[in-house]
Amino acid sequence: MSDEIVTHRDKEFISVDYTEKVLRNREFYKCFFSVCDFGKSDLRGNSFEDCRFENCNFSMALIEGTGFRNAVFKGCKLLGLDFTRCNSFMFSFHFEDCRLDYSTFYGTKLRNTRFIKCFLNEADFTEADLSSAVFDHSDLSGTRFHHTDLQKADVRKADHYMIDPDANKMKKAKFSALNLEGLLCKHGLDIA
């Protein structure tokens, strides 16, 4: 396998099947991916900067050392991804209408990240920095928040969360009065 870096700039990739393929030494700048399948592919060490992904599948892809800077995911499946292994110097996202179930963000820096209409069932945000993040109409069923920085985060329109205020930083975080049971669940209260 060649170590030569292949650079793609301002390109469109439509309906490309990368399933279980190895993609190495690639840099993507301002590229657009639509209906591409990266399921179980090996994307380790690649970089995606200012790229947009629509209706793509990344489920169970290997993303160790992969950089995502200003990456926008819309309508994508990103099931079971380990974002902790990504390049932390190229790590900023926007997610809309995505499935991120069973993904782990343990200890990652996700300041200002927007999760719009996403499913994050059983995702792990332990020790993550989600300060000023937005969870808008997102399902957080079984999502783990422990020693997580949620300061100034907006969780008002999120559903099915259970967050322990004693185990997380939450100063100036925004919550809906209609969903306060998600903050009080550890007390075993019957809230009607």
Protein backbone atom coordinates (compact mmCIF):
# COMPACT_ATOMS: atom_id res chain seq x y z
CA MET A 1 0.00 0.00 0.00
CA SER A 2 1.43 3.39 -1.01
CA ASP A 3 2.10 6.04 1.64
CA GLU A 4 1.44 8.83 -0.85
CA ILE A 5 -1.32 11.16 0.32
CA VAL A 6 -4.25 11.53 -2.07
CA THR A 7 -6.04 14.87 -1.78
CA HIS A 8 -9.63 15.44 -2.89
CA ARG A 9 -10.87 19.02 -3.03
CA ASP A 10 -14.39 20.27 -3.86
CA LYS A 11 -15.50 16.86 -5.15
CA GLU A 12 -18.84 15.08 -4.99
CA PHE A 13 -19.13 11.40 -4.15
CA ILE A 14 -22.59 10.02 -4.94
CA SER A 15 -23.74 6.46 -4.07
CA VAL A 16 -20.22 5.11 -3.62
CA ASP A 17 -19.96 1.79 -1.78
CA TYR A 18 -16.93 1.73 0.52
CA THR A 19 -18.34 -1.14 2.64
CA GLU A 20 -15.53 -3.03 4.40
CA LYS A 21 -12.92 -1.28 2.23
CA VAL A 22 -9.64 0.20 3.45
CA LEU A 23 -9.19 3.90 2.65
CA ARG A 24 -5.84 5.28 3.80
CA ASN A 25 -3.79 8.43 3.29
CA ARG A 26 -6.69 10.50 1.99
CA GLU A 27 -7.47 14.13 2.64
CA PHE A 28 -10.90 15.48 1.74
CA TYR A 29 -11.50 19.25 1.65
CA LYS A 30 -14.94 20.74 1.05
CA CYS A 31 -16.25 17.48 -0.40
CA PHE A 32 -19.85 16.33 -0.55
CA PHE A 33 -20.85 12.70 0.07
CA SER A 34 -24.40 11.53 -0.66
CA VAL A 35 -25.80 8.02 -0.11
CA CYS A 36 -22.32 6.57 0.40
CA ASP A 37 -21.80 3.43 2.46
CA PHE A 38 -18.76 3.40 4.77
CA GLY A 39 -20.17 0.53 6.89
CA LYS A 40 -17.35 -1.47 8.53
CA SER A 41 -14.81 0.35 6.38
CA ASP A 42 -11.33 1.25 7.61
CA LEU A 43 -11.01 5.04 7.54
CA ARG A 44 -8.11 5.26 9.98
CA GLY A 45 -5.81 8.23 9.53
CA ASN A 46 -7.84 10.08 6.90
CA SER A 47 -9.01 13.67 7.24
CA PHE A 48 -12.32 15.28 6.29
CA GLU A 49 -12.34 19.07 6.50
CA ASP A 50 -15.44 21.18 5.76
CA CYS A 51 -17.13 18.09 4.31
CA ARG A 52 -20.85 17.34 4.18
CA PHE A 53 -22.35 13.86 4.42
CA GLU A 54 -26.01 13.22 3.53
CA ASN A 55 -27.77 9.88 3.95
CA CYS A 56 -24.49 8.02 4.43
CA ASN A 57 -23.82 4.94 6.54
CA PHE A 58 -20.75 4.89 8.80
CA SER A 59 -21.94 2.10 11.10
CA MET A 60 -19.09 0.19 12.73
CA ALA A 61 -16.44 2.01 10.65
CA LEU A 62 -12.92 2.24 12.07
CA ILE A 63 -12.11 5.92 12.60
CA GLU A 64 -8.94 5.80 14.72
CA GLY A 65 -6.82 8.88 13.96
CA THR A 66 -9.42 10.17 11.50
CA GLY A 67 -9.91 13.92 11.51
CA PHE A 68 -13.31 15.53 11.12
CA ARG A 69 -13.18 19.33 11.14
CA ASN A 70 -16.43 21.22 10.55
CA ALA A 71 -18.04 17.99 9.36
CA VAL A 72 -21.78 18.11 8.75
CA PHE A 73 -23.78 14.87 8.92
CA LYS A 74 -27.41 14.90 7.80
CA GLY A 75 -29.61 11.80 7.70
CA CYS A 76 -26.63 9.54 8.41
CA LYS A 77 -26.25 6.29 10.37
CA LEU A 78 -23.23 6.39 12.68
CA LEU A 79 -24.00 3.38 14.86
CA GLY A 80 -21.43 2.07 17.33
CA LEU A 81 -18.65 4.50 16.40
CA ASP A 82 -15.80 5.16 18.82
CA PHE A 83 -15.26 8.90 18.44
CA THR A 84 -12.67 8.81 21.24
CA ARG A 85 -10.16 7.42 18.73
CA CYS A 86 -10.50 10.32 16.27
CA ASN A 87 -7.85 12.98 15.73
CA SER A 88 -8.62 15.39 18.58
CA PHE A 89 -7.07 18.33 16.69
CA MET A 90 -9.60 17.92 13.88
CA PHE A 91 -12.77 17.27 15.82
CA SER A 92 -15.87 19.40 15.19
CA PHE A 93 -19.28 18.30 14.00
CA HIS A 94 -22.91 19.16 13.31
CA PHE A 95 -25.43 16.31 13.31
CA GLU A 96 -28.97 16.51 11.95
CA ASP A 97 -31.48 13.65 11.57
CA CYS A 98 -28.73 11.15 12.43
CA ARG A 99 -28.61 7.86 14.31
CA LEU A 100 -25.67 7.79 16.71
CA ASP A 101 -26.88 4.89 18.87
CA TYR A 102 -24.21 2.99 20.83
CA SER A 103 -21.50 5.49 19.90
CA THR A 104 -18.95 6.62 22.45
CA PHE A 105 -17.72 10.16 22.96
CA TYR A 106 -15.91 9.43 26.25
CA GLY A 107 -13.67 12.37 27.18
CA THR A 108 -14.08 14.19 23.85
CA LYS A 109 -14.39 17.94 23.35
CA LEU A 110 -17.74 18.68 21.70
CA ARG A 111 -18.22 22.33 22.65
CA ASN A 112 -20.98 24.00 20.61
CA THR A 113 -21.88 20.76 18.82
CA ARG A 114 -25.45 20.63 17.56
CA PHE A 115 -27.48 17.42 17.66
CA ILE A 116 -30.71 18.21 15.78
CA LYS A 117 -33.42 15.49 15.56
CA CYS A 118 -30.91 12.76 16.37
CA PHE A 119 -31.16 9.40 18.10
CA LEU A 120 -28.38 8.90 20.64
CA ASN A 121 -29.71 5.77 22.34
CA GLU A 122 -27.14 4.22 24.70
CA ALA A 123 -24.46 6.70 23.59
CA ASP A 124 -21.70 7.50 26.10
CA PHE A 125 -20.76 11.10 26.91
CA THR A 126 -18.83 10.26 30.10
CA GLU A 127 -16.27 13.01 30.86
CA ALA A 128 -17.07 14.74 27.54
CA ASP A 129 -17.10 18.52 27.18
CA LEU A 130 -20.56 19.38 25.85
CA SER A 131 -20.51 22.99 27.02
CA SER A 132 -22.85 25.11 24.90
CA ALA A 133 -23.93 22.03 22.93
CA VAL A 134 -27.51 21.82 21.67
CA PHE A 135 -29.74 18.74 21.79
CA ASP A 136 -32.79 19.81 19.76
CA HIS A 137 -35.59 17.23 19.39
CA SER A 138 -33.09 14.44 20.07
CA ASP A 139 -33.76 11.13 21.81
CA LEU A 140 -31.26 10.46 24.61
CA SER A 141 -32.71 7.14 25.84
CA GLY A 142 -30.10 5.34 27.92
CA THR A 143 -27.43 7.89 27.07
CA ARG A 144 -24.72 8.09 29.73
CA PHE A 145 -23.70 11.44 31.21
CA HIS A 146 -21.15 11.15 34.04
CA HIS A 147 -18.61 13.85 34.92
CA THR A 148 -19.80 15.51 31.72
CA ASP A 149 -19.47 19.26 31.20
CA LEU A 150 -22.96 20.44 30.21
CA GLN A 151 -22.46 24.07 31.19
CA LYS A 152 -24.61 26.34 29.00
CA ALA A 153 -25.84 23.31 27.04
CA ASP A 154 -29.39 23.51 25.68
CA VAL A 155 -31.31 20.32 26.47
CA ARG A 156 -34.79 21.94 26.52
CA LYS A 157 -36.10 20.05 23.50
CA ALA A 158 -34.38 16.71 24.17
CA ASP A 159 -36.32 13.63 25.24
CA HIS A 160 -35.77 10.60 27.46
CA TYR A 161 -32.61 11.78 29.19
CA MET A 162 -31.46 10.90 32.68
CA ILE A 163 -28.80 13.31 33.93
CA ASP A 164 -27.61 13.45 37.54
CA PRO A 165 -26.94 17.13 38.42
CA ASP A 166 -24.63 15.99 41.24
CA ALA A 167 -22.39 14.01 38.87
CA ASN A 168 -22.12 16.56 36.03
CA LYS A 169 -21.20 20.23 35.53
CA MET A 170 -24.44 21.96 34.61
CA LYS A 171 -24.13 25.66 35.41
CA LYS A 172 -26.45 27.71 33.16
CA ALA A 173 -27.58 24.63 31.23
CA LYS A 174 -31.11 24.99 29.84
CA PHE A 175 -33.81 22.40 30.55
CA SER A 176 -37.56 22.34 29.95
CA ALA A 177 -39.84 22.36 32.99
CA LEU A 178 -41.78 19.59 31.22
CA ASN A 179 -38.77 17.24 31.27
CA LEU A 180 -37.42 17.82 34.77
CA GLU A 181 -38.03 14.18 35.69
CA GLY A 182 -34.87 13.39 33.71
CA LEU A 183 -32.90 15.34 36.31
CA LEU A 184 -34.69 13.88 39.32
CA CYS A 185 -34.85 10.18 38.40
CA LYS A 186 -32.18 9.15 40.92
CA HIS A 187 -34.49 10.27 43.74
CA GLY A 188 -37.26 7.81 42.78
CA LEU A 189 -39.91 10.53 42.76
CA ASP A 190 -43.33 10.00 41.21
CA ILE A 191 -43.73 13.09 39.04
CA ALA A 192 -47.13 13.57 37.45
